Amino acid sequence: MPKKFCVLLIIATALGAALLRIPCLEQRPMHCDEAVHAQKFAVLLEKGQYVYDPDEYHGPTLNYCTLVPAWLTGARTYQEVTEFTLRIVPVFFGILLVLLLGFLISGLGCSGALIAAVITAVSPALVYYSRYYIQETLLVCFTFGAIISGYRLSRRPHFGWAIMLGACLGLMHATKETCLIAYACLFTALVILLFIRRREGIPLAASLSRIKFRYVLVVILAGGIFAELFLSSLLTNLQGIPDSFNTFLSYFNRAGKNPLHIHPWYFYLKLLLFSQFGDGPIWSEGIIFVLALVGVIAALRKKSLPGVNHQLLRFLTFYTLLMILAYSVIPYKTPWCVLGFLHGLILLAGVGAATLLKCVPGFTLKSLVAVLLLVGLGHLAWQAYRASYTYSCDPRNPYVYAHTSADVYQLSHKVNDLADFYRAQYDQPLPVQVFFPDNYWPLPWYFRSLNLNVGYPVKVPEHGPLAPVIISSAGVQDDLIKCIYDEQIPFQQREMYVSLFGDKYLQLRPQVEIRGFVKKSLWDKWQESKKDTTK
């Protein structure tokens, strides 16, 4: 296959990836992590400030990249920001993961790169989390950029590739503290590769001779510049630079102590190989593992396919296996972290599929393999569609993790309608109190049009006053009742409250009930206004 034709097919595949990722970005409720990052971005958008926090929020690249769609859509305030404004950023990097394979054709071969592009485009996990306003897709993309730049630099040393390598490594640091795992695996894979080459009779000096000191210096300088510019908020917060290294201690302390995210070593493997919850569908990206295994065998053989760089395949094999090992050993696990080694498996799977098509004898068997591959890829695409649209926040979707319930839309609709009535009636914002001591996110996102008059007290006060509208967890209801029926307030002056949702049971997250209360006097006026509009 001519290289130019392969590049065109990869571009066409990227367009298909866009069609699978871009539609209905507002359909899925905001996860609490997404809402937290949105709040952090709001400060950057409205005040031009970003202060790096070594304990929370990860790095700033996600926030700074979001400025682009915000400016393009004319959003200048938090209230004007939409789900599309935020989620189009990881969507862009998810599509870029496909396009970047055009730079690795000489390493994976035309067929291998093209098939890897298709798998990248339709992998359910990659599709689902590239529609998620979190850092993971950006981290994977920058890591892939580092692999490509390092490979091209080793093949044809040039300052341009050295700068790109440094930039990608620096952006990894400025994106998420788990970059340290990728750094360790990349370096260890390179050392293993050099050791094996030495065992095969190639001296270490010969392997390193192409890497000149000047290129190493450029990589270090470029990496430092890109990382620290972001982490220091464009040099306005120099404390962000040392804090960006202190964050590694925070991450590893958290990794072993947070029981909410402690999972067994096989958590990620089970997530990808076989998942089913209740009466939900079966989910599996097992075909990627099977094809990746073939790719590993091709990499470990002394002879590889024509047009494939055998050393790159070996490096990808060691890097991916090390990533799987590292993420399996670390007890702190969240499902989106699976993308780190899943992407390595996909690169190997592309080569594995190309190997099968090349090595299987006879037209009939080749046709059978091709049909099975098409069926497998189609099944991945179907799962990606169902995960991102049909089961976008359904707990039966394995990629859904402590996700916000769609009930939040009913809550948001009611409170915002009531707020419009209150403003028209009293010419001021509706006061709202949220008593959710555990975790009230993503409510600030849905109340952002009211955020100047929404309070999030740590606990219910012993004595009032309470706001006209109260949103709470079920666990504080007893304290609310005591405050509402405060014996220090004369009976005639007490304000009664009614349920905002009637007899409906609403969840903020699975098994986390959310309750709403509104002053009866306000409720009666609101209901009366509705009757008047229907006359």
Protein backbone atom coordinates (compact mmCIF):
# COMPACT_ATOMS: atom_id res chain seq x y z
CA MET A 1 0.00 0.00 0.00
CA PRO A 2 1.50 3.40 -0.96
CA LYS A 3 2.29 5.55 2.06
CA LYS A 4 0.32 8.56 0.77
CA PHE A 5 -2.77 6.41 0.30
CA CYS A 6 -2.33 5.03 3.83
CA VAL A 7 -2.17 8.58 5.21
CA LEU A 8 -5.42 9.45 3.41
CA LEU A 9 -7.10 6.38 4.90
CA ILE A 10 -5.90 7.33 8.38
CA ILE A 11 -7.36 10.82 7.89
CA ALA A 12 -10.64 9.25 6.77
CA THR A 13 -10.54 7.04 9.89
CA ALA A 14 -10.05 10.16 12.03
CA LEU A 15 -13.19 11.64 10.47
CA GLY A 16 -15.03 8.48 11.47
CA ALA A 17 -13.64 8.83 14.99
CA ALA A 18 -14.98 12.39 15.08
CA LEU A 19 -18.46 11.22 14.03
CA LEU A 20 -18.45 8.72 16.88
CA ARG A 21 -17.23 11.21 19.50
CA ILE A 22 -18.69 14.65 18.79
CA PRO A 23 -22.51 14.24 18.73
CA CYS A 24 -24.62 14.96 21.82
CA LEU A 25 -21.77 15.94 24.13
CA GLU A 26 -24.35 17.44 26.47
CA GLN A 27 -26.37 14.21 26.71
CA ARG A 28 -24.50 12.61 29.61
CA PRO A 29 -24.72 14.26 33.06
CA MET A 30 -21.53 15.82 34.33
CA HIS A 31 -19.46 13.49 36.48
CA CYS A 32 -18.37 15.06 39.77
CA ASP A 33 -14.73 15.12 38.56
CA GLU A 34 -15.77 16.91 35.38
CA ALA A 35 -17.66 19.53 37.37
CA VAL A 36 -14.69 20.11 39.66
CA HIS A 37 -12.42 20.70 36.66
CA ALA A 38 -15.07 22.98 35.14
CA GLN A 39 -15.10 25.07 38.32
CA LYS A 40 -11.31 25.29 38.21
CA PHE A 41 -11.49 26.38 34.57
CA ALA A 42 -14.08 29.04 35.45
CA VAL A 43 -11.51 30.89 37.57
CA LEU A 44 -9.04 30.83 34.67
CA LEU A 45 -11.68 32.00 32.20
CA GLU A 46 -13.14 34.83 34.27
CA LYS A 47 -10.10 36.02 36.24
CA GLY A 48 -7.21 34.82 34.10
CA GLN A 49 -5.79 33.01 37.12
CA TYR A 50 -4.69 29.42 37.63
CA VAL A 51 -2.92 28.33 40.81
CA TYR A 52 -1.48 24.83 40.68
CA ASP A 53 -2.55 22.64 43.59
CA PRO A 54 -0.21 19.69 44.34
CA ASP A 55 -2.95 17.83 46.23
CA GLU A 56 -5.91 18.10 43.85
CA TYR A 57 -7.10 18.81 40.28
CA HIS A 58 -4.00 17.36 38.48
CA GLY A 59 -2.19 19.59 35.97
CA PRO A 60 -3.32 22.70 34.09
CA THR A 61 -3.07 21.63 30.43
CA LEU A 62 -6.76 20.64 30.32
CA ASN A 63 -7.78 24.06 31.65
CA TYR A 64 -5.56 26.08 29.34
CA CYS A 65 -6.60 24.05 26.29
CA THR A 66 -10.25 24.73 27.15
CA LEU A 67 -9.66 28.44 26.65
CA VAL A 68 -9.59 27.82 22.89
CA PRO A 69 -13.16 26.46 22.48
CA ALA A 70 -14.38 28.97 25.08
CA TRP A 71 -13.02 31.87 23.02
CA LEU A 72 -14.23 30.35 19.75
CA THR A 73 -17.77 29.95 21.11
CA GLY A 74 -17.78 33.40 22.69
CA ALA A 75 -17.97 32.12 26.27
CA ARG A 76 -16.57 34.74 28.63
CA THR A 77 -18.24 33.71 31.89
CA TYR A 78 -18.83 30.43 33.70
CA GLN A 79 -22.55 30.69 32.97
CA GLU A 80 -21.84 30.75 29.21
CA VAL A 81 -19.70 27.62 29.30
CA THR A 82 -21.46 24.45 28.12
CA GLU A 83 -20.73 20.74 28.17
CA PHE A 84 -19.67 21.06 24.54
CA THR A 85 -17.14 23.78 25.38
CA LEU A 86 -15.49 21.49 27.91
CA ARG A 87 -15.77 18.04 26.39
CA ILE A 88 -14.67 19.04 22.90
CA VAL A 89 -11.13 19.32 24.32
CA PRO A 90 -10.67 15.59 25.12
CA VAL A 91 -12.60 14.82 21.92
CA PHE A 92 -9.95 16.74 19.96
CA PHE A 93 -7.11 14.78 21.57
CA GLY A 94 -8.99 11.52 21.04
CA ILE A 95 -9.15 12.28 17.31
CA LEU A 96 -5.52 13.41 17.35
CA LEU A 97 -4.54 9.95 18.67
CA VAL A 98 -5.82 8.56 15.36
CA LEU A 99 -4.12 11.17 13.18
CA LEU A 100 -0.74 10.76 14.90
CA LEU A 101 -0.50 7.22 13.56
CA GLY A 102 0.36 8.78 10.21
CA PHE A 103 3.78 9.60 11.72
CA LEU A 104 4.37 5.97 12.69
CA ILE A 105 3.74 4.27 9.35
CA SER A 106 7.45 3.55 8.91
CA GLY A 107 7.48 1.82 12.29
CA LEU A 108 4.22 -0.14 12.30
CA GLY A 109 3.91 -0.59 8.55
CA CYS A 110 1.07 0.77 6.44
CA SER A 111 -1.38 -2.00 7.31
CA GLY A 112 -0.42 -2.05 10.99
CA ALA A 113 -0.75 1.73 11.36
CA LEU A 114 -4.07 1.81 9.51
CA ILE A 115 -5.62 -1.02 11.54
CA ALA A 116 -4.33 0.55 14.77
CA ALA A 117 -5.99 3.80 13.68
CA VAL A 118 -9.31 2.01 13.15
CA ILE A 119 -9.10 0.29 16.56
CA THR A 120 -8.22 3.62 18.20
CA ALA A 121 -11.25 5.17 16.53
CA VAL A 122 -13.71 2.51 17.77
CA SER A 123 -12.31 1.27 21.10
CA PRO A 124 -15.21 1.67 23.57
CA ALA A 125 -12.95 2.85 26.40
CA LEU A 126 -11.10 5.37 24.23
CA VAL A 127 -14.34 6.70 22.77
CA TYR A 128 -16.11 6.93 26.11
CA TYR A 129 -13.33 8.69 27.98
CA SER A 130 -12.48 11.00 25.10
CA ARG A 131 -15.94 12.49 25.76
CA TYR A 132 -15.02 12.99 29.44
CA TYR A 133 -13.69 16.32 30.73
CA ILE A 134 -10.70 14.80 32.52
CA GLN A 135 -6.96 14.70 31.81
CA GLU A 136 -6.55 11.05 30.80
CA THR A 137 -6.95 11.37 27.02
CA LEU A 138 -4.55 14.32 26.97
CA LEU A 139 -1.97 12.33 28.94
CA VAL A 140 -2.21 9.37 26.54
CA CYS A 141 -1.93 11.68 23.54
CA PHE A 142 1.18 13.46 24.87
CA THR A 143 2.73 10.09 25.76
CA PHE A 144 2.11 8.84 22.24
CA GLY A 145 3.63 12.06 20.90
CA ALA A 146 6.74 11.37 23.00
CA ILE A 147 6.99 7.80 21.61
CA ILE A 148 6.65 9.04 18.02
CA SER A 149 9.15 11.86 18.53
CA GLY A 150 11.66 9.57 20.24
CA TYR A 151 11.35 7.01 17.45
CA ARG A 152 11.77 9.62 14.70
CA LEU A 153 14.68 11.20 16.56
CA SER A 154 16.44 7.82 16.79
CA ARG A 155 15.91 7.19 13.09
CA ARG A 156 16.90 10.61 11.79
CA PRO A 157 18.33 12.94 14.47
CA HIS A 158 16.97 16.45 14.06
CA PHE A 159 16.44 19.38 16.40
CA GLY A 160 12.75 19.52 15.44
CA TRP A 161 12.10 16.01 16.75
CA ALA A 162 14.21 16.72 19.85
CA ILE A 163 12.05 19.77 20.61
CA MET A 164 8.87 17.73 20.03
CA LEU A 165 10.10 14.96 22.32
CA GLY A 166 10.89 17.43 25.07
CA ALA A 167 7.60 19.26 24.59
CA CYS A 168 5.57 16.05 24.85
CA LEU A 169 7.46 14.89 27.95
CA GLY A 170 6.95 18.30 29.53
CA LEU A 171 3.25 18.37 28.67
CA MET A 172 2.86 14.94 30.26
CA HIS A 173 4.23 16.40 33.50
CA ALA A 174 1.91 19.40 33.19
CA THR A 175 -1.11 17.15 32.66
CA LYS A 176 -1.19 14.56 35.42
CA GLU A 177 1.07 13.21 38.14
CA THR A 178 0.66 9.64 36.84
CA CYS A 179 3.06 10.69 34.08
CA LEU A 180 5.70 9.36 36.47
CA ILE A 181 4.46 5.82 35.77
CA ALA A 182 4.72 6.38 32.02
CA TYR A 183 8.20 7.93 32.40
CA ALA A 184 9.41 4.91 34.36
CA CYS A 185 7.94 2.44 31.88
CA LEU A 186 9.31 4.31 28.84
CA PHE A 187 12.81 4.48 30.34
CA THR A 188 12.80 0.86 31.54
CA ALA A 189 11.56 -0.39 28.15
CA LEU A 190 14.41 1.49 26.46
CA VAL A 191 16.98 -0.01 28.84
CA ILE A 192 15.61 -3.53 28.23
CA LEU A 193 15.74 -2.96 24.48
CA LEU A 194 19.38 -1.79 24.64
CA PHE A 195 20.28 -4.78 26.82
CA ILE A 196 18.74 -7.22 24.34
CA ARG A 197 20.51 -5.54 21.42
CA ARG A 198 23.76 -5.95 23.30
CA ARG A 199 23.03 -9.65 23.84
CA GLU A 200 22.49 -9.92 20.09
CA GLY A 201 25.96 -8.53 19.42
CA ILE A 202 25.25 -4.83 18.97
CA PRO A 203 27.51 -2.83 21.35
CA LEU A 204 25.84 -0.35 23.65
CA ALA A 205 28.08 2.43 22.31
CA ALA A 206 26.83 1.75 18.77
CA SER A 207 23.21 1.95 19.91
CA LEU A 208 23.77 5.24 21.69
CA SER A 209 26.04 6.79 19.08
CA ARG A 210 23.15 8.38 17.17
CA ILE A 211 21.91 10.23 20.24
CA LYS A 212 24.16 13.27 20.50
CA PHE A 213 24.52 15.29 23.70
CA ARG A 214 23.14 18.38 21.99
CA TYR A 215 19.85 16.59 21.27
CA VAL A 216 19.61 15.37 24.86
CA LEU A 217 20.15 18.94 26.02
CA VAL A 218 17.42 20.23 23.68
CA VAL A 219 15.00 17.57 24.97
CA ILE A 220 15.65 18.56 28.60
CA LEU A 221 15.35 22.29 27.89
CA ALA A 222 12.17 21.93 25.82
CA GLY A 223 10.62 19.64 28.41
CA GLY A 224 11.41 22.03 31.23
CA ILE A 225 10.12 25.07 29.34
CA PHE A 226 6.79 23.50 28.32
CA ALA A 227 6.15 21.92 31.72
CA GLU A 228 7.04 24.87 33.87
CA LEU A 229 5.30 27.45 31.71
CA PHE A 230 2.02 25.66 32.31
CA LEU A 231 2.67 24.65 35.92
CA SER A 232 3.76 28.20 36.87
CA SER A 233 0.67 29.66 35.15
CA LEU A 234 2.83 31.38 32.52
CA LEU A 235 5.37 32.41 35.19
CA THR A 236 2.76 34.17 37.35
CA ASN A 237 2.92 31.50 40.08
CA LEU A 238 6.49 30.26 40.45
CA GLN A 239 5.49 28.17 43.47
CA GLY A 240 3.76 25.87 41.00
CA ILE A 241 7.16 24.58 39.86
CA PRO A 242 8.28 22.97 43.15
CA ASP A 243 4.67 22.00 43.87
CA SER A 244 4.60 20.03 40.62
CA PHE A 245 7.22 17.70 42.14
CA ASN A 246 5.65 17.63 45.60
CA THR A 247 2.50 16.28 43.96
CA PHE A 248 4.18 12.91 43.40
CA LEU A 249 4.35 12.37 47.17
CA SER A 250 0.70 13.32 47.46
CA TYR A 251 -0.27 10.88 44.71
CA PHE A 252 1.55 7.89 46.17
CA ASN A 253 0.25 8.63 49.68
CA ARG A 254 -3.28 8.71 48.28
CA ALA A 255 -2.70 5.59 46.16
CA GLY A 256 -2.62 3.29 49.14
CA LYS A 257 -4.99 4.98 51.57
CA ASN A 258 -8.25 5.85 49.82
CA PRO A 259 -10.56 2.85 50.32
CA LEU A 260 -13.09 4.14 47.77
CA HIS A 261 -10.71 3.48 44.90
CA ILE A 262 -8.83 0.41 46.14
CA HIS A 263 -9.41 -2.48 43.73
CA PRO A 264 -7.81 -5.91 43.12
CA TRP A 265 -4.85 -6.26 40.77
CA TYR A 266 -7.00 -7.66 37.93
CA PHE A 267 -9.48 -4.75 37.97
CA TYR A 268 -8.33 -3.24 34.65
CA LEU A 269 -7.93 -6.58 32.88
CA LYS A 270 -11.43 -7.67 33.88
CA LEU A 271 -12.79 -4.29 32.81
CA LEU A 272 -11.47 -4.81 29.28
CA LEU A 273 -11.77 -8.57 28.84
CA PHE A 274 -15.24 -9.28 30.23
CA SER A 275 -17.77 -7.19 32.11
CA GLN A 276 -21.45 -7.63 32.82
CA PHE A 277 -23.52 -5.98 35.53
CA GLY A 278 -26.99 -7.22 36.44
CA ASP A 279 -29.16 -7.72 33.39
CA GLY A 280 -26.98 -5.42 31.29
CA PRO A 281 -25.13 -6.40 28.12
CA ILE A 282 -21.78 -8.14 27.98
CA TRP A 283 -18.84 -5.84 27.30
CA SER A 284 -15.46 -6.94 26.00
CA GLU A 285 -12.48 -5.51 24.17
CA GLY A 286 -10.91 -8.96 24.17
CA ILE A 287 -10.18 -8.86 20.44
CA ILE A 288 -7.58 -6.15 21.15
CA PHE A 289 -5.78 -8.49 23.57
CA VAL A 290 -5.82 -11.36 21.08
CA LEU A 291 -4.44 -9.22 18.26
CA ALA A 292 -1.92 -7.59 20.60
CA LEU A 293 -0.65 -11.05 21.59
CA VAL A 294 0.01 -11.78 17.90
CA GLY A 295 1.77 -8.42 17.69
CA VAL A 296 3.95 -9.33 20.68
CA ILE A 297 4.90 -12.64 19.04
CA ALA A 298 5.80 -10.74 15.86
CA ALA A 299 7.90 -8.34 17.93
CA LEU A 300 9.80 -11.10 19.75
CA ARG A 301 10.62 -12.99 16.56
CA LYS A 302 13.96 -12.22 14.96
CA LYS A 303 12.26 -11.53 11.66
CA SER A 304 9.28 -9.24 11.33
CA LEU A 305 6.96 -8.07 8.61
CA PRO A 306 8.36 -6.03 5.72
CA GLY A 307 8.09 -2.29 6.34
CA VAL A 308 7.92 -2.73 10.12
CA ASN A 309 10.60 -1.51 12.53
CA HIS A 310 11.40 -4.50 14.67
CA GLN A 311 13.09 -2.46 17.41
CA LEU A 312 10.04 -0.19 17.77
CA LEU A 313 7.78 -3.23 18.14
CA ARG A 314 10.00 -4.61 20.86
CA PHE A 315 10.02 -1.27 22.65
CA LEU A 316 6.22 -1.03 22.48
CA THR A 317 5.94 -4.58 23.80
CA PHE A 318 8.14 -3.91 26.84
CA TYR A 319 6.53 -0.53 27.49
CA THR A 320 2.98 -1.91 27.34
CA LEU A 321 3.72 -4.94 29.53
CA LEU A 322 5.42 -2.70 32.09
CA MET A 323 2.42 -0.34 32.08
CA ILE A 324 0.05 -3.25 32.65
CA LEU A 325 2.22 -4.49 35.51
CA ALA A 326 2.52 -1.04 37.12
CA TYR A 327 -1.18 -0.22 36.98
CA SER A 328 -2.10 -3.69 38.21
CA VAL A 329 0.22 -3.46 41.22
CA ILE A 330 -0.91 0.01 42.32
CA PRO A 331 -4.01 -0.56 44.49
CA TYR A 332 -5.54 2.87 43.73
CA LYS A 333 -7.51 2.35 40.53
CA THR A 334 -9.99 4.41 38.54
CA PRO A 335 -11.24 2.97 35.24
CA TRP A 336 -10.06 5.81 32.98
CA CYS A 337 -6.44 5.03 33.92
CA VAL A 338 -6.81 1.93 31.76
CA LEU A 339 -6.23 4.12 28.70
CA GLY A 340 -2.51 4.31 29.44
CA PHE A 341 -1.74 0.69 28.58
CA LEU A 342 -4.81 0.10 26.40
CA HIS A 343 -3.33 2.44 23.81
CA GLY A 344 -0.10 0.42 23.80
CA LEU A 345 -2.12 -2.77 23.29
CA ILE A 346 -3.92 -1.13 20.36
CA LEU A 347 -0.62 -0.26 18.63
CA LEU A 348 0.51 -3.87 19.00
CA ALA A 349 -2.93 -5.12 17.92
CA GLY A 350 -2.62 -3.19 14.66
CA VAL A 351 0.62 -5.00 13.87
CA GLY A 352 -0.88 -8.29 15.05
CA ALA A 353 -3.83 -7.95 12.66
CA ALA A 354 -1.49 -7.06 9.79
CA THR A 355 0.66 -10.08 10.67
CA LEU A 356 -2.32 -12.43 10.52
CA LEU A 357 -3.43 -11.07 7.15
CA LYS A 358 0.10 -11.44 5.82
CA CYS A 359 1.04 -14.83 7.23
CA VAL A 360 -2.18 -16.82 6.91
CA PRO A 361 -1.84 -18.99 3.76
CA GLY A 362 -4.38 -19.15 0.96
CA PHE A 363 -7.06 -16.80 -0.26
CA THR A 364 -9.85 -18.56 1.65
CA LEU A 365 -8.15 -18.32 5.04
CA LYS A 366 -7.08 -14.73 4.40
CA SER A 367 -10.67 -13.85 3.53
CA LEU A 368 -11.91 -15.58 6.69
CA VAL A 369 -9.42 -13.65 8.84
CA ALA A 370 -10.42 -10.39 7.13
CA VAL A 371 -14.11 -11.06 7.77
CA LEU A 372 -13.47 -11.94 11.42
CA LEU A 373 -11.45 -8.73 11.83
CA LEU A 374 -14.25 -6.66 10.31
CA VAL A 375 -16.81 -8.33 12.58
CA GLY A 376 -14.60 -7.71 15.61
CA LEU A 377 -14.04 -4.07 14.72
CA GLY A 378 -17.74 -3.64 14.06
CA HIS A 379 -18.51 -5.12 17.47
CA LEU A 380 -16.10 -2.67 19.11
CA ALA A 381 -17.79 0.24 17.29
CA TRP A 382 -21.23 -0.99 18.37
CA GLN A 383 -20.08 -1.22 22.00
CA ALA A 384 -18.53 2.26 21.74
CA TYR A 385 -21.84 3.68 20.53
CA ARG A 386 -23.84 1.96 23.27
CA ALA A 387 -21.37 2.97 25.98
CA SER A 388 -21.30 6.62 24.93
CA TYR A 389 -24.97 7.10 24.10
CA THR A 390 -27.38 4.30 25.12
CA TYR A 391 -25.69 3.51 28.47
CA SER A 392 -23.84 6.80 28.94
CA CYS A 393 -24.54 7.05 32.69
CA ASP A 394 -25.99 3.59 33.33
CA PRO A 395 -24.23 1.59 36.09
CA ARG A 396 -24.43 -1.44 33.79
CA ASN A 397 -21.81 0.25 31.63
CA PRO A 398 -18.36 -0.84 32.95
CA TYR A 399 -16.83 2.54 32.08
CA VAL A 400 -19.38 4.35 34.27
CA TYR A 401 -17.80 4.95 37.68
CA ALA A 402 -19.69 6.60 40.55
CA HIS A 403 -21.42 8.62 37.89
CA THR A 404 -24.04 11.30 38.31
CA SER A 405 -27.58 10.06 37.75
CA ALA A 406 -29.76 11.52 35.01
CA ASP A 407 -32.05 12.57 37.88
CA VAL A 408 -29.84 15.64 38.19
CA TYR A 409 -31.63 17.05 35.14
CA GLN A 410 -34.98 16.97 36.98
CA LEU A 411 -33.37 18.69 39.95
CA SER A 412 -31.71 21.34 37.79
CA HIS A 413 -34.86 21.99 35.79
CA LYS A 414 -37.01 22.47 38.90
CA VAL A 415 -34.57 24.70 40.75
CA ASN A 416 -33.83 26.86 37.72
CA ASP A 417 -37.55 27.26 36.91
CA LEU A 418 -38.19 28.22 40.51
CA ALA A 419 -35.25 30.65 40.37
CA ASP A 420 -36.73 32.36 37.30
CA PHE A 421 -40.05 32.77 39.10
CA TYR A 422 -38.35 34.07 42.23
CA ARG A 423 -36.35 36.66 40.31
CA ALA A 424 -39.47 37.85 38.49
CA GLN A 425 -41.38 38.00 41.77
CA TYR A 426 -38.76 39.58 44.04
CA ASP A 427 -36.18 40.98 41.58
CA GLN A 428 -33.30 39.13 43.23
CA PRO A 429 -31.53 35.75 42.94
CA LEU A 430 -33.12 32.75 44.62
CA PRO A 431 -31.23 31.78 47.80
CA VAL A 432 -30.41 28.06 47.83
CA GLN A 433 -28.66 26.01 50.49
CA VAL A 434 -27.03 22.65 49.72
CA PHE A 435 -26.48 20.36 52.71
CA PHE A 436 -24.49 17.48 51.27
CA PRO A 437 -21.62 16.75 53.65
CA ASP A 438 -20.17 13.84 51.66
CA ASN A 439 -19.84 15.12 48.10
CA TYR A 440 -22.27 17.60 46.54
CA TRP A 441 -20.53 17.72 43.15
CA PRO A 442 -21.56 18.20 40.32
CA LEU A 443 -24.35 20.42 41.71
CA PRO A 444 -22.28 23.63 41.41
CA TRP A 445 -22.18 23.03 37.65
CA TYR A 446 -25.96 22.79 37.38
CA PHE A 447 -26.46 25.75 39.71
CA ARG A 448 -23.83 27.92 38.01
CA SER A 449 -26.46 30.43 36.84
CA LEU A 450 -27.36 30.86 40.54
CA ASN A 451 -23.88 30.51 41.95
CA LEU A 452 -23.76 33.98 43.52
CA ASN A 453 -26.59 32.99 45.86
CA VAL A 454 -26.01 29.26 46.43
CA GLY A 455 -24.42 28.22 49.69
CA TYR A 456 -22.78 24.90 50.55
CA PRO A 457 -22.65 24.86 54.37
CA VAL A 458 -20.62 22.15 56.06
CA LYS A 459 -23.57 21.19 58.27
CA VAL A 460 -27.15 22.14 59.07
CA PRO A 461 -27.27 24.97 61.62
CA GLU A 462 -28.91 24.30 64.97
CA HIS A 463 -31.04 27.39 64.52
CA GLY A 464 -32.15 29.06 61.28
CA PRO A 465 -32.64 30.90 59.16
CA LEU A 466 -32.82 28.50 56.24
CA ALA A 467 -32.94 29.42 52.56
CA PRO A 468 -36.24 29.24 50.62
CA VAL A 469 -34.88 26.20 48.75
CA ILE A 470 -32.86 23.41 50.36
CA ILE A 471 -31.10 20.55 48.61
CA SER A 472 -29.80 17.83 50.90
CA SER A 473 -28.70 14.26 51.31
CA ALA A 474 -30.94 11.84 53.17
CA GLY A 475 -28.42 11.66 56.01
CA VAL A 476 -29.06 15.21 57.24
CA GLN A 477 -32.86 15.06 57.24
CA ASP A 478 -33.11 14.72 61.04
CA ASP A 479 -30.98 17.83 61.51
CA LEU A 480 -33.10 19.70 58.97
CA ILE A 481 -36.33 18.78 60.75
CA LYS A 482 -34.91 20.03 64.07
CA CYS A 483 -33.91 23.31 62.44
CA ILE A 484 -37.24 23.79 60.65
CA TYR A 485 -39.22 23.04 63.81
CA ASP A 486 -36.89 25.10 66.01
CA GLU A 487 -38.62 25.39 69.38
CA GLN A 488 -37.00 28.79 69.96
CA ILE A 489 -39.12 30.22 67.15
CA PRO A 490 -42.81 30.84 67.98
CA PHE A 491 -45.09 28.41 66.23
CA GLN A 492 -46.86 31.17 64.28
CA GLN A 493 -43.54 32.39 62.83
CA ARG A 494 -42.23 29.04 61.71
CA GLU A 495 -41.93 28.57 57.96
CA MET A 496 -43.17 25.22 56.72
CA TYR A 497 -41.37 23.35 53.92
CA VAL A 498 -42.73 20.90 51.32
CA SER A 499 -40.93 18.38 49.12
CA LEU A 500 -39.61 19.85 45.89
CA PHE A 501 -39.92 16.48 44.12
CA GLY A 502 -43.23 15.28 45.58
CA ASP A 503 -43.12 11.55 46.18
CA LYS A 504 -40.35 10.93 43.64
CA TYR A 505 -37.09 9.26 44.65
CA LEU A 506 -34.10 10.97 43.04
CA GLN A 507 -30.46 9.92 43.11
CA LEU A 508 -27.39 12.08 42.77
CA ARG A 509 -25.29 8.96 42.23
CA PRO A 510 -26.12 5.26 42.60
CA GLN A 511 -27.45 4.67 46.12
CA VAL A 512 -26.97 8.34 47.02
CA GLU A 513 -30.43 9.88 47.50
CA ILE A 514 -30.94 13.58 46.96
CA ARG A 515 -33.83 15.48 48.53
CA GLY A 516 -35.26 18.91 47.90
CA PHE A 517 -37.39 21.20 50.04
CA VAL A 518 -39.01 24.56 49.33
CA LYS A 519 -40.83 27.00 51.59
CA LYS A 520 -44.53 26.30 51.40
CA SER A 521 -45.38 29.98 50.87
CA LEU A 522 -43.05 30.14 47.87
CA TRP A 523 -44.29 26.82 46.56
CA ASP A 524 -47.93 27.96 46.72
CA LYS A 525 -47.17 31.18 44.84
CA TRP A 526 -45.20 29.25 42.21
CA GLN A 527 -47.99 26.73 41.67
CA GLU A 528 -50.56 29.54 41.50
CA SER A 529 -48.51 31.29 38.79
CA LYS A 530 -48.51 28.09 36.75
CA LYS A 531 -52.31 27.93 36.95
CA ASP A 532 -52.55 31.52 35.77
CA THR A 533 -50.39 30.83 32.71
CA THR A 534 -52.54 27.88 31.67
CA LYS A 535 -55.80 29.84 31.76
